[in-house]
């Protein structure tokens, strides 16, 4: 049930964005205990002045290919699971669309189960009390 918001600079092709989406989802399925059908993402391409980042903070150097991935998850994962996810994601994104690991930043935020309504005004991940 994670929701991923992927932010990058404008100008990337549909194939590039699809590779980002596919490999993010693949890493989530392989390492983060996410069902294959559970895919919710938003890819935003922004103007250079709208994506502000330090080129070297905790990095060997970021380029104009920098991608920020914000993941909201409905259940906590251990540090070991997150580390495995980060490594797998960086590896997959290096393969396609060809991102350098220094250009991939991920932030995971965890919510409570009742913080999600997938449709119909319901909290599908919790048992609702009768109205």
N, C-alpha and C. Protein backbone atom coordinates (compact mmCIF):
# COMPACT_ATOMS: atom_id res chain seq x y z
N UNK A 1 0.79 -1.22 0.00
CA UNK A 1 0.00 0.00 0.00
C UNK A 1 0.82 1.27 0.00
N UNK A 2 2.09 1.20 -0.30
CA UNK A 2 2.81 2.47 -0.34
C UNK A 2 2.32 3.37 -1.48
N UNK A 3 2.43 4.66 -1.23
CA UNK A 3 2.20 5.65 -2.28
C UNK A 3 3.54 6.32 -2.52
N UNK A 4 3.98 6.34 -3.76
CA UNK A 4 5.28 6.93 -4.09
C UNK A 4 5.10 8.18 -4.93
N UNK A 5 5.79 9.21 -4.53
CA UNK A 5 5.82 10.46 -5.29
C UNK A 5 7.25 10.64 -5.79
N UNK A 6 7.39 10.63 -7.11
CA UNK A 6 8.70 10.68 -7.75
C UNK A 6 8.84 12.06 -8.39
N UNK A 7 9.86 12.80 -7.98
CA UNK A 7 10.06 14.15 -8.49
C UNK A 7 11.41 14.23 -9.20
N UNK A 8 11.40 14.79 -10.42
CA UNK A 8 12.60 14.96 -11.20
C UNK A 8 12.45 16.18 -12.09
N UNK A 9 13.55 16.59 -12.68
CA UNK A 9 13.51 17.75 -13.57
C UNK A 9 12.79 17.41 -14.87
N UNK A 10 12.14 18.40 -15.44
CA UNK A 10 11.43 18.24 -16.71
C UNK A 10 12.38 17.80 -17.81
N UNK A 11 11.80 17.09 -18.78
CA UNK A 11 12.55 16.77 -19.97
C UNK A 11 12.84 15.30 -20.18
N UNK A 12 12.46 14.45 -19.25
CA UNK A 12 12.72 13.02 -19.41
C UNK A 12 11.62 12.40 -20.27
N UNK A 13 12.01 11.43 -21.06
CA UNK A 13 11.09 10.78 -22.01
C UNK A 13 10.09 9.88 -21.28
N UNK A 14 9.00 9.55 -21.96
CA UNK A 14 8.06 8.58 -21.40
C UNK A 14 8.72 7.24 -21.06
N UNK A 15 9.65 6.77 -21.88
CA UNK A 15 10.35 5.51 -21.60
C UNK A 15 11.19 5.61 -20.33
N UNK A 16 11.84 6.74 -20.14
CA UNK A 16 12.64 6.98 -18.94
C UNK A 16 11.74 6.94 -17.70
N UNK A 17 10.62 7.67 -17.76
CA UNK A 17 9.70 7.71 -16.63
C UNK A 17 9.09 6.34 -16.36
N UNK A 18 8.81 5.58 -17.41
CA UNK A 18 8.26 4.23 -17.23
C UNK A 18 9.27 3.32 -16.55
N UNK A 19 10.55 3.44 -16.92
CA UNK A 19 11.59 2.64 -16.28
C UNK A 19 11.72 3.00 -14.80
N UNK A 20 11.63 4.29 -14.49
CA UNK A 20 11.63 4.72 -13.08
C UNK A 20 10.49 4.05 -12.32
N UNK A 21 9.29 4.17 -12.88
CA UNK A 21 8.10 3.61 -12.25
C UNK A 21 8.22 2.10 -12.07
N UNK A 22 8.57 1.41 -13.15
CA UNK A 22 8.64 -0.05 -13.11
C UNK A 22 9.67 -0.55 -12.13
N UNK A 23 10.85 0.07 -12.12
CA UNK A 23 11.90 -0.43 -11.23
C UNK A 23 11.69 -0.03 -9.78
N UNK A 24 11.05 1.09 -9.53
CA UNK A 24 10.65 1.40 -8.16
C UNK A 24 9.66 0.35 -7.67
N UNK A 25 8.67 0.06 -8.48
CA UNK A 25 7.68 -0.94 -8.06
C UNK A 25 8.32 -2.32 -7.88
N UNK A 26 9.21 -2.67 -8.78
CA UNK A 26 9.89 -3.97 -8.66
C UNK A 26 10.66 -4.06 -7.35
N UNK A 27 11.38 -3.01 -6.98
CA UNK A 27 12.13 -3.02 -5.72
C UNK A 27 11.19 -3.13 -4.53
N UNK A 28 10.05 -2.45 -4.58
CA UNK A 28 9.07 -2.54 -3.49
C UNK A 28 8.53 -3.97 -3.36
N UNK A 29 8.20 -4.58 -4.47
CA UNK A 29 7.66 -5.95 -4.45
C UNK A 29 8.72 -6.93 -3.94
N UNK A 30 9.94 -6.80 -4.44
CA UNK A 30 11.01 -7.75 -4.09
C UNK A 30 11.51 -7.62 -2.66
N UNK A 31 11.50 -6.43 -2.09
CA UNK A 31 12.16 -6.24 -0.80
C UNK A 31 11.29 -5.66 0.29
N UNK A 32 10.16 -5.08 -0.05
CA UNK A 32 9.39 -4.28 0.90
C UNK A 32 8.04 -4.91 1.25
N UNK A 33 7.84 -6.17 0.80
CA UNK A 33 6.62 -6.91 1.08
C UNK A 33 5.37 -6.19 0.55
N UNK A 34 5.45 -5.77 -0.71
CA UNK A 34 4.34 -5.08 -1.36
C UNK A 34 3.75 -6.01 -2.42
N UNK A 35 2.43 -6.21 -2.42
CA UNK A 35 1.82 -7.05 -3.45
C UNK A 35 2.01 -6.44 -4.84
N UNK A 36 2.12 -7.28 -5.84
CA UNK A 36 2.36 -6.83 -7.21
C UNK A 36 1.27 -5.88 -7.70
N UNK A 37 0.03 -6.09 -7.28
CA UNK A 37 -1.08 -5.25 -7.76
C UNK A 37 -1.19 -3.93 -7.01
N UNK A 38 -0.39 -3.75 -5.98
CA UNK A 38 -0.45 -2.55 -5.13
C UNK A 38 0.52 -1.50 -5.67
N UNK A 39 0.07 -0.77 -6.67
CA UNK A 39 0.95 0.20 -7.34
C UNK A 39 0.25 1.55 -7.41
N UNK A 40 0.74 2.50 -6.62
CA UNK A 40 0.22 3.87 -6.60
C UNK A 40 1.40 4.82 -6.62
N UNK A 41 1.52 5.60 -7.70
CA UNK A 41 2.66 6.48 -7.88
C UNK A 41 2.21 7.78 -8.54
N UNK A 42 2.96 8.81 -8.26
CA UNK A 42 2.81 10.09 -8.95
C UNK A 42 4.20 10.50 -9.41
N UNK A 43 4.35 10.74 -10.71
CA UNK A 43 5.63 11.21 -11.24
C UNK A 43 5.45 12.66 -11.64
N UNK A 44 6.23 13.54 -11.01
CA UNK A 44 6.16 14.97 -11.32
C UNK A 44 7.48 15.40 -11.93
N UNK A 45 7.39 16.09 -13.05
CA UNK A 45 8.56 16.72 -13.64
C UNK A 45 8.42 18.22 -13.40
N UNK A 46 9.47 18.79 -12.84
CA UNK A 46 9.40 20.19 -12.43
C UNK A 46 10.50 21.01 -13.10
N UNK A 47 10.30 22.32 -13.09
CA UNK A 47 11.31 23.25 -13.60
C UNK A 47 12.52 23.23 -12.65
N UNK A 48 13.71 23.55 -13.16
CA UNK A 48 14.92 23.51 -12.33
C UNK A 48 14.82 24.32 -11.04
N UNK A 49 14.14 25.46 -11.08
CA UNK A 49 14.04 26.27 -9.85
C UNK A 49 13.10 25.66 -8.81
N UNK A 50 12.35 24.63 -9.19
CA UNK A 50 11.40 24.01 -8.26
C UNK A 50 11.97 22.79 -7.55
N UNK A 51 13.13 22.32 -7.96
CA UNK A 51 13.76 21.17 -7.30
C UNK A 51 15.12 21.63 -6.79
N UNK A 52 15.15 21.96 -5.52
CA UNK A 52 16.34 22.53 -4.90
C UNK A 52 17.01 21.45 -4.07
N UNK A 53 18.27 21.21 -4.33
CA UNK A 53 18.98 20.15 -3.62
C UNK A 53 20.47 20.46 -3.57
N UNK A 54 21.11 20.04 -2.50
CA UNK A 54 22.55 20.19 -2.35
C UNK A 54 23.22 19.09 -3.17
N UNK A 55 24.20 19.45 -3.92
CA UNK A 55 24.86 18.50 -4.82
C UNK A 55 25.74 17.48 -4.10
N UNK A 56 26.17 17.77 -2.86
CA UNK A 56 27.13 16.87 -2.21
C UNK A 56 26.71 16.35 -0.84
N UNK A 57 25.62 16.83 -0.26
CA UNK A 57 25.25 16.41 1.09
C UNK A 57 25.00 14.90 1.14
N UNK A 58 25.81 14.18 1.93
CA UNK A 58 25.75 12.72 2.04
C UNK A 58 25.80 12.05 0.67
N UNK A 59 26.56 12.58 -0.25
CA UNK A 59 26.62 12.06 -1.61
C UNK A 59 27.98 12.37 -2.22
N UNK A 60 28.36 11.59 -3.23
CA UNK A 60 29.58 11.85 -3.97
C UNK A 60 29.40 12.92 -5.03
N UNK A 61 28.16 13.34 -5.22
CA UNK A 61 27.87 14.39 -6.19
C UNK A 61 26.63 14.09 -7.01
N UNK A 62 25.66 14.98 -6.91
CA UNK A 62 24.42 14.83 -7.66
C UNK A 62 24.46 15.64 -8.94
N UNK A 63 23.72 15.17 -9.94
CA UNK A 63 23.67 15.84 -11.23
C UNK A 63 22.25 16.35 -11.50
N UNK A 64 22.02 16.80 -12.72
CA UNK A 64 20.69 17.24 -13.13
C UNK A 64 19.73 16.06 -13.27
N UNK A 65 20.23 14.83 -13.16
CA UNK A 65 19.39 13.64 -13.20
C UNK A 65 18.85 13.26 -11.82
N UNK A 66 19.12 14.09 -10.82
CA UNK A 66 18.66 13.82 -9.45
C UNK A 66 17.17 13.51 -9.43
N UNK A 67 16.83 12.45 -8.68
CA UNK A 67 15.43 12.03 -8.51
C UNK A 67 15.16 11.92 -7.01
N UNK A 68 14.06 12.55 -6.59
CA UNK A 68 13.60 12.48 -5.20
C UNK A 68 12.38 11.57 -5.16
N UNK A 69 12.44 10.53 -4.32
CA UNK A 69 11.33 9.59 -4.20
C UNK A 69 10.83 9.63 -2.76
N UNK A 70 9.59 10.07 -2.58
CA UNK A 70 8.96 10.12 -1.27
C UNK A 70 7.93 8.99 -1.20
N UNK A 71 8.12 8.10 -0.25
CA UNK A 71 7.24 6.95 -0.11
C UNK A 71 6.47 7.07 1.19
N UNK A 72 5.16 7.00 1.10
CA UNK A 72 4.31 6.94 2.28
C UNK A 72 3.84 5.49 2.41
N UNK A 73 4.15 4.87 3.54
CA UNK A 73 3.82 3.46 3.76
C UNK A 73 2.87 3.32 4.93
N UNK A 74 2.03 2.31 4.88
CA UNK A 74 1.03 2.10 5.91
C UNK A 74 1.45 1.19 7.03
N UNK A 75 2.64 0.62 6.94
CA UNK A 75 3.15 -0.18 8.05
C UNK A 75 4.65 0.01 8.15
N UNK A 76 5.17 0.00 9.34
CA UNK A 76 6.62 0.19 9.51
C UNK A 76 7.40 -1.01 8.99
N UNK A 77 8.61 -0.75 8.53
CA UNK A 77 9.55 -1.80 8.15
C UNK A 77 10.81 -1.62 8.99
N UNK A 78 11.52 -2.70 9.18
CA UNK A 78 12.76 -2.64 9.96
C UNK A 78 13.82 -1.88 9.17
N UNK A 79 14.84 -1.45 9.89
CA UNK A 79 15.96 -0.78 9.25
C UNK A 79 16.60 -1.70 8.21
N UNK A 80 16.74 -2.98 8.53
CA UNK A 80 17.35 -3.92 7.60
C UNK A 80 16.53 -4.03 6.31
N UNK A 81 15.22 -4.07 6.41
CA UNK A 81 14.36 -4.14 5.22
C UNK A 81 14.51 -2.87 4.39
N UNK A 82 14.52 -1.71 5.05
CA UNK A 82 14.69 -0.45 4.33
C UNK A 82 16.04 -0.40 3.62
N UNK A 83 17.10 -0.84 4.30
CA UNK A 83 18.42 -0.82 3.69
C UNK A 83 18.48 -1.74 2.47
N UNK A 84 17.85 -2.90 2.57
CA UNK A 84 17.79 -3.82 1.44
C UNK A 84 17.03 -3.17 0.28
N UNK A 85 15.92 -2.50 0.59
CA UNK A 85 15.13 -1.81 -0.43
C UNK A 85 15.96 -0.72 -1.11
N UNK A 86 16.64 0.13 -0.32
CA UNK A 86 17.43 1.21 -0.89
C UNK A 86 18.50 0.68 -1.85
N UNK A 87 19.19 -0.38 -1.43
CA UNK A 87 20.24 -0.97 -2.28
C UNK A 87 19.66 -1.55 -3.56
N UNK A 88 18.56 -2.29 -3.44
CA UNK A 88 17.95 -2.90 -4.61
C UNK A 88 17.43 -1.83 -5.57
N UNK A 89 16.79 -0.79 -5.03
CA UNK A 89 16.28 0.29 -5.86
C UNK A 89 17.42 0.97 -6.62
N UNK A 90 18.49 1.31 -5.93
CA UNK A 90 19.63 1.97 -6.59
C UNK A 90 20.19 1.09 -7.70
N UNK A 91 20.27 -0.20 -7.46
CA UNK A 91 20.78 -1.13 -8.47
C UNK A 91 19.86 -1.20 -9.68
N UNK A 92 18.57 -1.34 -9.44
CA UNK A 92 17.61 -1.42 -10.55
C UNK A 92 17.57 -0.14 -11.36
N UNK A 93 17.60 1.01 -10.67
CA UNK A 93 17.55 2.28 -11.39
C UNK A 93 18.85 2.56 -12.15
N UNK A 94 19.96 1.97 -11.70
CA UNK A 94 21.20 2.08 -12.46
C UNK A 94 21.09 1.31 -13.78
N UNK A 95 20.40 0.16 -13.72
CA UNK A 95 20.18 -0.64 -14.93
C UNK A 95 19.25 0.08 -15.90
N UNK A 96 18.14 0.58 -15.39
CA UNK A 96 17.16 1.30 -16.23
C UNK A 96 16.36 2.22 -15.32
N UNK A 97 16.41 3.47 -15.58
CA UNK A 97 16.78 4.16 -16.80
C UNK A 97 18.23 4.61 -16.91
N UNK A 98 19.11 4.09 -16.05
CA UNK A 98 20.52 4.47 -16.12
C UNK A 98 20.91 5.55 -15.13
N UNK A 99 20.22 5.60 -13.99
CA UNK A 99 20.53 6.60 -12.97
C UNK A 99 21.76 6.21 -12.17
N UNK A 100 22.59 7.18 -11.90
CA UNK A 100 23.70 6.98 -10.98
C UNK A 100 23.14 6.88 -9.56
N UNK A 101 23.64 5.99 -8.72
CA UNK A 101 23.14 5.88 -7.34
C UNK A 101 23.20 7.20 -6.57
N UNK A 102 24.19 8.07 -6.88
CA UNK A 102 24.27 9.37 -6.21
C UNK A 102 23.09 10.27 -6.55
N UNK A 103 22.37 9.96 -7.61
CA UNK A 103 21.24 10.79 -8.03
C UNK A 103 19.89 10.28 -7.52
N UNK A 104 19.91 9.30 -6.62
CA UNK A 104 18.66 8.72 -6.10
C UNK A 104 18.55 9.02 -4.61
N UNK A 105 17.55 9.79 -4.23
CA UNK A 105 17.26 10.08 -2.82
C UNK A 105 15.87 9.54 -2.50
N UNK A 106 15.75 8.83 -1.37
CA UNK A 106 14.48 8.23 -0.95
C UNK A 106 14.19 8.63 0.49
N UNK A 107 12.94 9.03 0.73
CA UNK A 107 12.48 9.30 2.09
C UNK A 107 11.22 8.48 2.31
N UNK A 108 11.20 7.70 3.38
CA UNK A 108 10.04 6.86 3.71
C UNK A 108 9.35 7.43 4.94
N UNK A 109 8.05 7.64 4.83
CA UNK A 109 7.22 8.09 5.94
C UNK A 109 6.17 7.01 6.20
N UNK A 110 5.94 6.70 7.47
CA UNK A 110 4.97 5.67 7.83
C UNK A 110 3.74 6.29 8.47
N UNK A 111 2.58 5.78 8.11
CA UNK A 111 1.32 6.25 8.68
C UNK A 111 0.63 5.11 9.43
N UNK A 112 -0.45 5.44 10.09
CA UNK A 112 -1.31 4.43 10.71
C UNK A 112 -2.23 3.84 9.65
N UNK A 113 -2.75 2.65 9.90
CA UNK A 113 -3.65 2.00 8.94
C UNK A 113 -4.90 2.84 8.67
N UNK A 114 -5.37 3.57 9.67
CA UNK A 114 -6.59 4.36 9.46
C UNK A 114 -6.31 5.67 8.71
N UNK A 115 -5.07 5.87 8.31
CA UNK A 115 -4.71 7.05 7.53
C UNK A 115 -4.91 6.87 6.03
N UNK A 116 -5.54 5.78 5.63
CA UNK A 116 -5.72 5.46 4.21
C UNK A 116 -7.19 5.19 3.90
N UNK A 117 -7.68 5.79 2.84
CA UNK A 117 -8.97 5.44 2.27
C UNK A 117 -8.73 5.25 0.77
N UNK A 118 -8.85 4.02 0.31
CA UNK A 118 -8.57 3.72 -1.09
C UNK A 118 -9.74 4.05 -2.01
N UNK A 119 -10.95 4.14 -1.43
CA UNK A 119 -12.13 4.50 -2.22
C UNK A 119 -13.37 4.44 -1.33
N UNK A 120 -14.42 5.01 -1.83
CA UNK A 120 -15.76 4.91 -1.21
C UNK A 120 -15.85 5.46 0.20
N UNK A 121 -14.90 6.29 0.62
CA UNK A 121 -14.94 6.85 1.96
C UNK A 121 -14.73 5.83 3.06
N UNK A 122 -14.10 4.71 2.74
CA UNK A 122 -13.90 3.63 3.71
C UNK A 122 -12.43 3.55 4.14
N UNK A 123 -12.22 2.99 5.30
CA UNK A 123 -10.86 2.69 5.76
C UNK A 123 -10.65 1.18 5.57
N UNK A 124 -10.27 0.81 4.36
CA UNK A 124 -10.21 -0.60 3.98
C UNK A 124 -9.22 -1.43 4.79
N UNK A 125 -8.24 -0.82 5.40
CA UNK A 125 -7.24 -1.58 6.14
C UNK A 125 -7.56 -1.75 7.62
N UNK A 126 -8.71 -1.25 8.05
CA UNK A 126 -9.16 -1.46 9.42
C UNK A 126 -10.62 -1.90 9.39
N UNK A 127 -11.02 -2.60 10.43
CA UNK A 127 -12.42 -2.99 10.54
C UNK A 127 -13.20 -1.78 11.02
N UNK A 128 -14.19 -1.40 10.24
CA UNK A 128 -15.00 -0.23 10.60
C UNK A 128 -16.15 -0.63 11.51
N UNK A 129 -16.41 0.24 12.46
CA UNK A 129 -17.58 0.06 13.32
C UNK A 129 -18.83 0.43 12.54
N UNK A 130 -19.93 -0.28 12.75
CA UNK A 130 -21.17 0.09 12.06
C UNK A 130 -21.57 1.53 12.40
N UNK A 131 -22.13 2.22 11.41
CA UNK A 131 -22.53 3.62 11.61
C UNK A 131 -23.75 3.74 12.49
